[in-house]
Amino acid sequence: MAKLSDTAMKQTIAAQDPRSGVGLLVIALAGTVLFHGGLLPFTHGNTYDAFIHMFFGDSYARSWFDHWDERWYTGFLTISYPPGTHMAIGTLSKVMPLRAAYVLVQLAALLLLTIGVYRFALLWVPPRAAGYAAIFLTLSSAISETVHFFGQLPTTFSLAIFLNGLPYNYRWIAAGRWTDFGAAVVFGAATTASHHVTTIFGAVLFILPIGLHALTATAELHPIEPGQVTSRKQRRVWLRSALMRFQPPIWRGLLLAVCLLAAIVFTILPHWIWSISDPITQVPIPHGSRANFLERTDLGFIFFVLPWGMAIIFLPYAAIKTATTRLWPLGGSLFFCFLLGTGGTTPIPRAILGGAFDILTLDRFTFWGTILILPFIGLVFDGLINGRSGKLITQAFGRTSRGVITSGLFIGFVVSAVVPAALPLVRPTQPDFIDPAPIVEFMQSDNHD
């Protein structure tokens, strides 16, 4: 069954024009500008983190090399956080208002992320399915929640850079071109400048699967034909030759891992020096993503149900494809993220993460899982609109039923993307605005300061 499914997928990829997904990518980019770009000027002020990132950006705009900012508490080192997105905001704030700079950098992150999802999906699925994956990134409730509810700029920006660099990782492991190696390291360093956690965990959740994917492609170049290996001696000869073929990509993968680790350390070296020398001891951080979602349904809604949104109904399809096709490395990573994203609902995430369970915010795994499922969603919609599944539905129930199913799923994605953006209107994330003018006037008069 797996061999037949793989063969069908390869034939589909070969039959499709590589440009067939580009038009869908353009639609996805336009949708990102219209939907997220249209909402950002109105929603960013209601998010949890946007003002924090603007503060960092303003700090770099005031002094590029003085990392001590006395305006926060009793003083604060800006190198305690990777600087990439904040430096971008600080630079743009020289020519536009600070809030406009934040909105522009966030929108740029979403556009790069849309392209990155398309390029990442192309490693696994046909071009048209990759195009649909990009469209449903735009309509992802996880993206909408991250951008319009949480305001997590480094999360989107770092993942955008990271995904755009993954094709170079794949080509280096599979083919060994040094230009791809250099590009993979540069993209890894740029990702780290925005958020080092994305690079560290991405190496396991994204690079490892495409490395296994590259090894699978290597094995497919020399398959065992029926009757080829008929004796123990022939089996030993074939196994020896197979190991010889696998050695170069494995060594290339190990070299890439070492160089990516060096790039992570070098890119934000001041941050590592601070984290080692800072006298503060890390204590468990209370966070709702580690709760038992069956007991705290409100937290389960925010950190699990809402980010998964419509994507969760495609998990059974992803499980079937994981078990029967060459997409098993991608599916394995997807379901690993799904499991860790359940927080304290089961004891499994704590058993896997150990002491890190009380420090990490586990909603990041749910977020990454919603990205990993996009190639599977792209396959579903490609099949419904252009492929065999759509034809089977038409033959069995008629063209109208096919249209109702497809449009119903699409409308579901639209609704699930709008809900997180509108949620702050129901559940405010910021206190009411306080006019600072009277306070400033008081402090400046009669030596009150």
Protein backbone atom coordinates (compact mmCIF):
# COMPACT_ATOMS: atom_id res chain seq x y z
CA MET A 1 0.00 0.00 0.00
CA ALA A 2 2.78 2.43 0.93
CA LYS A 3 4.67 1.71 -2.27
CA LEU A 4 1.57 2.25 -4.40
CA SER A 5 0.77 5.53 -2.63
CA ASP A 6 4.33 6.79 -3.05
CA THR A 7 4.31 5.89 -6.73
CA ALA A 8 1.03 7.75 -7.27
CA MET A 9 2.39 10.82 -5.50
CA LYS A 10 5.58 10.82 -7.58
CA GLN A 11 3.55 10.56 -10.77
CA THR A 12 1.42 13.51 -9.63
CA ILE A 13 4.48 15.64 -8.90
CA ALA A 14 6.03 14.75 -12.26
CA ALA A 15 2.81 15.49 -14.14
CA GLN A 16 2.27 18.94 -12.64
CA ASP A 17 3.84 22.05 -14.09
CA PRO A 18 6.14 23.55 -11.41
CA ARG A 19 4.49 26.91 -12.13
CA SER A 20 1.03 25.56 -11.23
CA GLY A 21 1.52 26.52 -7.60
CA VAL A 22 2.95 29.98 -8.22
CA GLY A 23 -0.44 31.47 -9.07
CA LEU A 24 -1.84 30.10 -5.81
CA LEU A 25 1.16 31.54 -3.94
CA VAL A 26 0.39 34.97 -5.41
CA ILE A 27 -3.21 34.62 -4.19
CA ALA A 28 -1.90 33.69 -0.74
CA LEU A 29 0.39 36.73 -0.65
CA ALA A 30 -2.46 39.01 -1.72
CA GLY A 31 -4.68 37.47 0.96
CA THR A 32 -1.98 38.09 3.57
CA VAL A 33 -1.78 41.77 2.65
CA LEU A 34 -5.56 42.23 2.56
CA PHE A 35 -6.46 40.19 5.66
CA HIS A 36 -3.54 40.53 8.06
CA GLY A 37 -2.25 43.82 6.65
CA GLY A 38 -5.73 45.28 6.92
CA LEU A 39 -6.21 44.14 10.52
CA LEU A 40 -2.76 44.85 11.97
CA PRO A 41 -3.11 48.66 12.31
CA PHE A 42 -6.24 48.08 14.44
CA THR A 43 -5.34 44.92 16.40
CA HIS A 44 -1.67 45.27 17.36
CA GLY A 45 -2.44 47.65 20.24
CA ASN A 46 -4.71 45.02 21.84
CA THR A 47 -2.12 42.23 21.87
CA TYR A 48 -0.05 40.98 24.80
CA ASP A 49 3.46 41.46 23.40
CA ALA A 50 3.43 44.17 20.71
CA PHE A 51 4.36 47.02 23.07
CA ILE A 52 7.25 44.97 24.50
CA HIS A 53 8.74 44.54 21.03
CA MET A 54 8.16 48.23 20.29
CA PHE A 55 9.99 49.09 23.54
CA PHE A 56 12.98 47.03 22.45
CA GLY A 57 12.88 48.63 19.00
CA ASP A 58 12.75 52.12 20.51
CA SER A 59 15.69 51.24 22.74
CA TYR A 60 17.85 50.31 19.73
CA ALA A 61 16.67 53.43 17.90
CA ARG A 62 17.86 55.60 20.82
CA SER A 63 21.25 53.91 21.14
CA TRP A 64 22.41 51.09 18.86
CA PHE A 65 25.31 49.93 21.05
CA ASP A 66 24.24 50.89 24.57
CA HIS A 67 22.28 47.84 25.66
CA TRP A 68 21.29 49.15 29.09
CA ASP A 69 17.87 50.78 29.15
CA GLU A 70 16.96 52.36 32.49
CA ARG A 71 13.30 52.95 31.56
CA TRP A 72 12.21 49.41 32.40
CA TYR A 73 12.06 48.62 36.12
CA THR A 74 15.44 49.54 37.64
CA GLY A 75 17.29 48.98 34.38
CA PHE A 76 17.17 46.36 31.68
CA LEU A 77 19.64 44.77 29.24
CA THR A 78 18.25 44.54 25.72
CA ILE A 79 20.74 41.77 24.87
CA SER A 80 18.63 39.49 27.07
CA TYR A 81 16.57 38.88 23.91
CA PRO A 82 17.73 38.15 20.33
CA PRO A 83 17.85 41.53 18.55
CA GLY A 84 16.88 40.88 14.91
CA THR A 85 13.26 42.02 14.81
CA HIS A 86 13.83 44.80 17.34
CA MET A 87 16.71 46.25 15.34
CA ALA A 88 14.46 46.20 12.26
CA ILE A 89 11.77 48.13 14.15
CA GLY A 90 14.38 50.58 15.49
CA THR A 91 15.75 51.21 12.00
CA LEU A 92 12.33 51.82 10.45
CA SER A 93 11.30 54.07 13.35
CA LYS A 94 13.83 56.60 12.06
CA VAL A 95 11.57 57.28 9.07
CA MET A 96 8.10 56.42 10.43
CA PRO A 97 6.21 56.21 13.75
CA LEU A 98 7.24 53.38 16.05
CA ARG A 99 3.87 51.64 15.84
CA ALA A 100 3.89 51.82 12.05
CA ALA A 101 7.39 50.26 12.08
CA TYR A 102 6.11 47.35 14.17
CA VAL A 103 3.14 46.79 11.84
CA LEU A 104 5.39 46.86 8.76
CA VAL A 105 7.92 44.39 10.20
CA GLN A 106 5.11 42.04 11.27
CA LEU A 107 3.52 42.20 7.81
CA ALA A 108 6.91 41.55 6.18
CA ALA A 109 7.29 38.52 8.48
CA LEU A 110 3.91 37.16 7.36
CA LEU A 111 4.72 37.62 3.66
CA LEU A 112 8.07 35.86 4.10
CA LEU A 113 6.34 33.13 6.10
CA THR A 114 3.82 32.59 3.30
CA ILE A 115 6.66 32.13 0.80
CA GLY A 116 8.51 29.93 3.29
CA VAL A 117 5.53 27.60 3.76
CA TYR A 118 5.23 27.26 -0.02
CA ARG A 119 8.94 26.41 -0.40
CA PHE A 120 8.84 24.01 2.56
CA ALA A 121 5.72 22.27 1.24
CA LEU A 122 7.38 21.83 -2.18
CA LEU A 123 9.84 19.48 -0.52
CA TRP A 124 6.96 17.12 0.27
CA VAL A 125 3.99 17.63 -2.05
CA PRO A 126 3.22 18.69 -5.67
CA PRO A 127 3.42 22.42 -6.57
CA ARG A 128 -0.35 22.92 -6.62
CA ALA A 129 -0.77 21.39 -3.17
CA ALA A 130 2.08 23.61 -1.93
CA GLY A 131 0.17 26.60 -3.28
CA TYR A 132 -2.94 25.59 -1.34
CA ALA A 133 -0.77 25.12 1.76
CA ALA A 134 0.34 28.76 1.43
CA ILE A 135 -3.28 29.92 1.10
CA PHE A 136 -4.33 28.07 4.25
CA LEU A 137 -1.40 29.54 6.15
CA THR A 138 -3.05 32.92 5.52
CA LEU A 139 -6.29 31.50 6.94
CA SER A 140 -4.61 29.67 9.83
CA SER A 141 -6.19 30.41 13.19
CA ALA A 142 -2.78 29.82 14.80
CA ILE A 143 -1.24 32.60 12.72
CA SER A 144 -4.20 34.87 13.45
CA GLU A 145 -3.91 34.21 17.19
CA THR A 146 -0.13 34.65 17.22
CA VAL A 147 -0.28 37.94 15.31
CA HIS A 148 -3.54 39.59 16.38
CA PHE A 149 -4.00 38.21 19.90
CA PHE A 150 -0.53 37.48 21.27
CA GLY A 151 1.50 39.91 19.12
CA GLN A 152 4.49 37.55 18.95
CA LEU A 153 6.64 39.13 16.26
CA PRO A 154 9.90 37.13 16.75
CA THR A 155 7.93 33.87 16.48
CA THR A 156 6.60 34.67 13.00
CA PHE A 157 9.73 36.41 11.71
CA SER A 158 12.17 33.72 12.80
CA LEU A 159 10.03 30.90 11.40
CA ALA A 160 9.66 32.80 8.12
CA ILE A 161 13.43 32.98 7.67
CA PHE A 162 13.88 29.40 8.86
CA LEU A 163 11.37 27.88 6.42
CA ASN A 164 12.88 29.77 3.48
CA GLY A 165 16.25 28.25 4.35
CA LEU A 166 15.05 24.64 4.61
CA PRO A 167 15.29 23.86 0.85
CA TYR A 168 19.03 24.63 1.07
CA ASN A 169 19.33 22.20 3.99
CA TYR A 170 17.62 19.50 1.95
CA ARG A 171 19.72 20.08 -1.18
CA TRP A 172 22.95 20.10 0.82
CA ILE A 173 22.18 16.79 2.52
CA ALA A 174 20.90 15.18 -0.68
CA ALA A 175 23.35 16.56 -3.26
CA GLY A 176 26.26 18.09 -1.35
CA ARG A 177 26.59 21.45 -3.12
CA TRP A 178 28.65 23.88 -1.05
CA THR A 179 26.57 26.87 -2.15
CA ASP A 180 23.55 25.19 -0.54
CA PHE A 181 25.59 24.52 2.60
CA GLY A 182 26.59 28.19 2.85
CA ALA A 183 23.00 29.36 2.31
CA ALA A 184 21.70 26.90 4.93
CA VAL A 185 24.13 28.24 7.56
CA VAL A 186 23.39 31.88 6.69
CA PHE A 187 19.64 31.32 6.96
CA GLY A 188 20.18 29.50 10.26
CA ALA A 189 22.17 32.45 11.62
CA ALA A 190 19.50 34.92 10.45
CA THR A 191 16.82 32.82 12.14
CA THR A 192 18.81 32.85 15.36
CA ALA A 193 19.10 36.64 15.25
CA SER A 194 15.29 36.78 15.42
CA HIS A 195 14.65 33.94 17.88
CA HIS A 196 17.20 31.30 18.87
CA VAL A 197 14.52 28.90 20.15
CA THR A 198 13.19 28.49 16.60
CA THR A 199 16.61 27.37 15.37
CA ILE A 200 17.24 25.02 18.29
CA PHE A 201 13.90 23.23 18.19
CA GLY A 202 13.58 23.64 14.42
CA ALA A 203 16.68 21.49 14.00
CA VAL A 204 14.71 18.59 15.49
CA LEU A 205 11.20 19.34 14.24
CA PHE A 206 11.98 20.54 10.70
CA ILE A 207 15.59 19.81 9.66
CA LEU A 208 15.67 16.24 10.99
CA PRO A 209 12.53 15.25 9.00
CA ILE A 210 13.88 16.71 5.75
CA GLY A 211 17.20 15.00 6.46
CA LEU A 212 15.36 11.68 6.70
CA HIS A 213 13.45 12.68 3.59
CA ALA A 214 16.75 13.20 1.77
CA LEU A 215 17.99 9.78 2.91
CA THR A 216 14.76 8.25 1.61
CA ALA A 217 15.36 9.91 -1.75
CA THR A 218 18.88 8.48 -1.76
CA ALA A 219 17.52 4.99 -1.11
CA GLU A 220 14.98 5.35 -3.92
CA LEU A 221 17.80 5.89 -6.42
CA HIS A 222 18.83 2.26 -5.95
CA PRO A 223 15.73 0.25 -4.99
CA ILE A 224 15.74 -3.52 -4.62
CA GLU A 225 14.03 -5.00 -7.66
CA PRO A 226 12.15 -8.31 -7.36
CA GLY A 227 14.60 -11.15 -7.78
CA GLN A 228 17.64 -8.86 -7.45
CA VAL A 229 18.73 -10.23 -4.07
CA THR A 230 18.24 -13.98 -3.95
CA SER A 231 21.10 -15.19 -1.76
CA ARG A 232 22.77 -14.26 1.52
CA LYS A 233 25.93 -13.17 -0.30
CA GLN A 234 23.99 -10.90 -2.68
CA ARG A 235 22.16 -9.45 0.34
CA ARG A 236 25.48 -8.63 2.05
CA VAL A 237 26.82 -7.01 -1.14
CA TRP A 238 23.68 -4.90 -1.56
CA LEU A 239 23.70 -3.86 2.11
CA ARG A 240 27.38 -2.86 1.91
CA SER A 241 26.76 -0.75 -1.17
CA ALA A 242 23.69 0.81 0.45
CA LEU A 243 25.70 1.82 3.51
CA MET A 244 28.33 3.37 1.24
CA ARG A 245 25.61 5.44 -0.45
CA PHE A 246 24.16 6.60 2.87
CA GLN A 247 27.47 7.66 4.41
CA PRO A 248 27.95 10.93 2.45
CA PRO A 249 24.49 12.43 3.22
CA ILE A 250 24.79 11.38 6.87
CA TRP A 251 28.19 13.06 7.20
CA ARG A 252 26.88 16.13 5.41
CA GLY A 253 23.99 16.27 7.86
CA LEU A 254 26.35 16.03 10.84
CA LEU A 255 28.60 18.77 9.42
CA LEU A 256 25.56 20.99 8.93
CA ALA A 257 24.44 20.36 12.52
CA VAL A 258 27.85 21.37 13.90
CA CYS A 259 28.02 24.53 11.78
CA LEU A 260 24.44 25.51 12.63
CA LEU A 261 25.27 25.17 16.32
CA ALA A 262 28.31 27.41 15.83
CA ALA A 263 26.15 29.92 13.94
CA ILE A 264 23.60 29.96 16.77
CA VAL A 265 26.27 30.71 19.37
CA PHE A 266 28.17 33.27 17.29
CA THR A 267 25.15 35.22 16.03
CA ILE A 268 23.85 36.14 19.48
CA LEU A 269 27.05 35.71 21.49
CA PRO A 270 26.27 38.68 23.80
CA HIS A 271 22.99 36.98 24.72
CA TRP A 272 24.78 33.74 25.65
CA ILE A 273 27.40 35.62 27.67
CA TRP A 274 24.63 37.46 29.52
CA SER A 275 22.65 34.26 30.15
CA ILE A 276 25.73 32.53 31.60
CA SER A 277 26.93 35.45 33.75
CA ASP A 278 23.54 36.74 34.92
CA PRO A 279 23.05 35.88 38.61
CA ILE A 280 19.30 35.24 38.19
CA THR A 281 18.40 31.57 38.57
CA GLN A 282 15.68 30.32 36.23
CA VAL A 283 12.57 29.27 38.15
CA PRO A 284 9.45 27.53 36.80
CA ILE A 285 7.37 29.98 34.78
CA PRO A 286 3.61 29.75 35.33
CA HIS A 287 1.93 29.40 31.95
CA GLY A 288 -1.50 28.19 30.89
CA SER A 289 -0.11 26.01 28.08
CA ARG A 290 1.02 23.47 30.73
CA ALA A 291 -2.41 23.10 32.30
CA ASN A 292 -4.67 20.07 32.14
CA PHE A 293 -7.00 21.23 29.38
CA LEU A 294 -9.76 18.87 30.51
CA GLU A 295 -9.83 20.65 33.88
CA ARG A 296 -9.09 24.18 32.62
CA THR A 297 -11.21 24.32 29.49
CA ASP A 298 -10.67 28.07 29.17
CA LEU A 299 -6.92 27.54 28.83
CA GLY A 300 -7.51 24.57 26.57
CA PHE A 301 -9.51 26.82 24.27
CA ILE A 302 -6.80 29.52 24.12
CA PHE A 303 -3.74 27.28 23.84
CA PHE A 304 -5.08 24.24 21.99
CA VAL A 305 -8.54 24.49 20.40
CA LEU A 306 -8.17 28.01 19.01
CA PRO A 307 -4.71 27.62 17.41
CA TRP A 308 -5.57 24.27 15.84
CA GLY A 309 -8.92 25.56 14.60
CA MET A 310 -10.09 23.85 11.42
CA ALA A 311 -6.71 22.19 10.92
CA ILE A 312 -7.44 19.64 13.62
CA ILE A 313 -10.03 17.82 11.48
CA PHE A 314 -7.28 16.98 8.98
CA LEU A 315 -5.21 15.05 11.54
CA PRO A 316 -6.76 11.64 10.62
CA TYR A 317 -5.86 12.25 6.96
CA ALA A 318 -2.33 13.21 8.02
CA ALA A 319 -2.11 10.00 10.07
CA ILE A 320 -3.08 7.88 7.05
CA LYS A 321 -0.55 9.64 4.81
CA THR A 322 2.09 9.29 7.52
CA ALA A 323 1.55 5.55 7.68
CA THR A 324 1.32 4.88 3.94
CA THR A 325 3.55 7.35 2.05
CA ARG A 326 6.97 8.95 2.01
CA LEU A 327 5.54 11.77 4.18
CA TRP A 328 6.25 9.74 7.33
CA PRO A 329 9.08 12.01 8.59
CA LEU A 330 6.84 15.07 8.26
CA GLY A 331 3.93 13.30 9.92
CA GLY A 332 6.12 12.00 12.73
CA SER A 333 7.22 15.54 13.57
CA LEU A 334 3.63 16.79 13.30
CA PHE A 335 2.25 14.28 15.80
CA PHE A 336 5.20 14.82 18.15
CA CYS A 337 4.30 18.54 18.24
CA PHE A 338 0.63 17.68 18.69
CA LEU A 339 1.46 15.50 21.69
CA LEU A 340 3.68 18.10 23.40
CA GLY A 341 1.07 20.77 22.74
CA THR A 342 -1.44 18.96 24.96
CA GLY A 343 0.44 20.35 27.97
CA GLY A 344 -0.44 18.78 31.30
CA THR A 345 -3.51 16.97 29.97
CA THR A 346 -1.46 13.76 29.95
CA PRO A 347 1.81 12.91 31.75
CA ILE A 348 3.57 12.22 28.45
CA PRO A 349 4.88 15.77 27.68
CA ARG A 350 6.44 16.04 31.16
CA ALA A 351 8.02 12.61 30.76
CA ILE A 352 9.53 13.65 27.41
CA LEU A 353 10.74 17.12 28.41
CA GLY A 354 11.77 16.44 32.00
CA GLY A 355 12.74 19.61 33.86
CA ALA A 356 12.26 21.71 30.72
CA PHE A 357 8.50 21.12 31.03
CA ASP A 358 8.26 23.80 33.76
CA ILE A 359 10.25 26.36 31.77
CA LEU A 360 9.07 26.04 28.17
CA THR A 361 5.78 27.48 26.98
CA LEU A 362 4.23 24.49 25.25
CA ASP A 363 1.94 26.46 22.96
CA ARG A 364 4.98 26.91 20.69
CA PHE A 365 4.73 23.19 19.82
CA THR A 366 1.08 23.59 18.89
CA PHE A 367 2.04 26.55 16.71
CA TRP A 368 4.74 24.53 14.92
CA GLY A 369 2.32 21.62 14.55
CA THR A 370 -0.16 23.87 12.72
CA ILE A 371 2.62 24.71 10.26
CA LEU A 372 3.68 21.09 9.75
CA ILE A 373 0.13 20.03 8.88
CA LEU A 374 -0.19 22.56 6.03
CA PRO A 375 1.30 20.29 3.29
CA PHE A 376 -1.31 17.66 4.22
CA ILE A 377 -4.10 20.27 4.03
CA GLY A 378 -2.74 21.36 0.66
CA LEU A 379 -3.01 17.76 -0.59
CA VAL A 380 -6.62 17.52 0.58
CA PHE A 381 -7.74 20.67 -1.23
CA ASP A 382 -5.73 19.83 -4.33
CA GLY A 383 -7.57 16.51 -4.43
CA LEU A 384 -10.98 18.08 -3.81
CA ILE A 385 -10.58 20.78 -6.45
CA ASN A 386 -8.43 19.11 -9.08
CA GLY A 387 -7.87 15.50 -8.19
CA ARG A 388 -9.32 12.06 -7.70
CA SER A 389 -11.18 12.67 -4.43
CA GLY A 390 -13.16 15.53 -5.99
CA LYS A 391 -14.09 13.35 -8.97
CA LEU A 392 -15.20 10.50 -6.69
CA ILE A 393 -17.44 12.88 -4.69
CA THR A 394 -18.90 14.24 -7.93
CA GLN A 395 -19.64 10.74 -9.25
CA ALA A 396 -21.21 9.63 -5.98
CA PHE A 397 -23.13 12.73 -4.86
CA GLY A 398 -23.00 15.23 -7.73
CA ARG A 399 -21.07 18.40 -8.48
CA THR A 400 -23.12 20.43 -6.01
CA SER A 401 -22.07 18.27 -3.07
CA ARG A 402 -18.45 18.62 -4.06
CA GLY A 403 -18.82 22.41 -4.13
CA VAL A 404 -20.63 22.47 -0.79
CA ILE A 405 -17.93 20.39 0.92
CA THR A 406 -15.06 22.45 -0.51
CA SER A 407 -16.66 25.85 0.14
CA GLY A 408 -17.82 24.74 3.60
CA LEU A 409 -14.26 23.83 4.60
CA PHE A 410 -12.97 27.12 3.17
CA ILE A 411 -15.57 29.18 5.04
CA GLY A 412 -14.69 27.27 8.22
CA PHE A 413 -11.06 28.35 7.84
CA VAL A 414 -12.10 31.97 7.27
CA VAL A 415 -14.25 32.01 10.41
CA SER A 416 -11.58 30.33 12.53
CA ALA A 417 -9.05 32.93 11.34
CA VAL A 418 -11.32 35.88 12.17
CA VAL A 419 -12.22 34.69 15.70
CA PRO A 420 -8.73 35.16 17.28
CA ALA A 421 -8.44 38.64 15.77
CA ALA A 422 -11.80 39.63 17.26
CA LEU A 423 -11.18 37.93 20.63
CA PRO A 424 -9.52 40.96 22.30
CA LEU A 425 -12.79 42.83 21.80
CA VAL A 426 -14.45 40.21 24.02
CA ARG A 427 -11.52 39.52 26.34
CA PRO A 428 -9.24 42.62 26.51
CA THR A 429 -5.54 41.85 26.88
CA GLN A 430 -4.48 45.39 27.84
CA PRO A 431 -5.66 47.63 30.70
CA ASP A 432 -7.60 50.79 29.95
CA PHE A 433 -5.47 53.64 28.65
CA ILE A 434 -4.11 56.00 31.29
CA ASP A 435 -3.29 59.57 30.26
CA PRO A 436 0.29 60.16 31.50
CA ALA A 437 0.18 63.96 31.05
CA PRO A 438 -1.06 64.80 34.60
CA ILE A 439 1.53 62.45 36.11
CA VAL A 440 4.32 64.05 34.07
CA GLU A 441 3.14 67.54 35.02
CA PHE A 442 3.10 66.60 38.71
CA MET A 443 6.60 65.09 38.59
CA GLN A 444 8.02 68.15 36.83
CA SER A 445 6.60 70.68 39.28
CA ASP A 446 7.81 71.70 42.75
CA ASN A 447 10.76 69.31 42.65
CA HIS A 448 8.47 66.29 43.03
CA ASP A 449 10.85 64.20 40.94
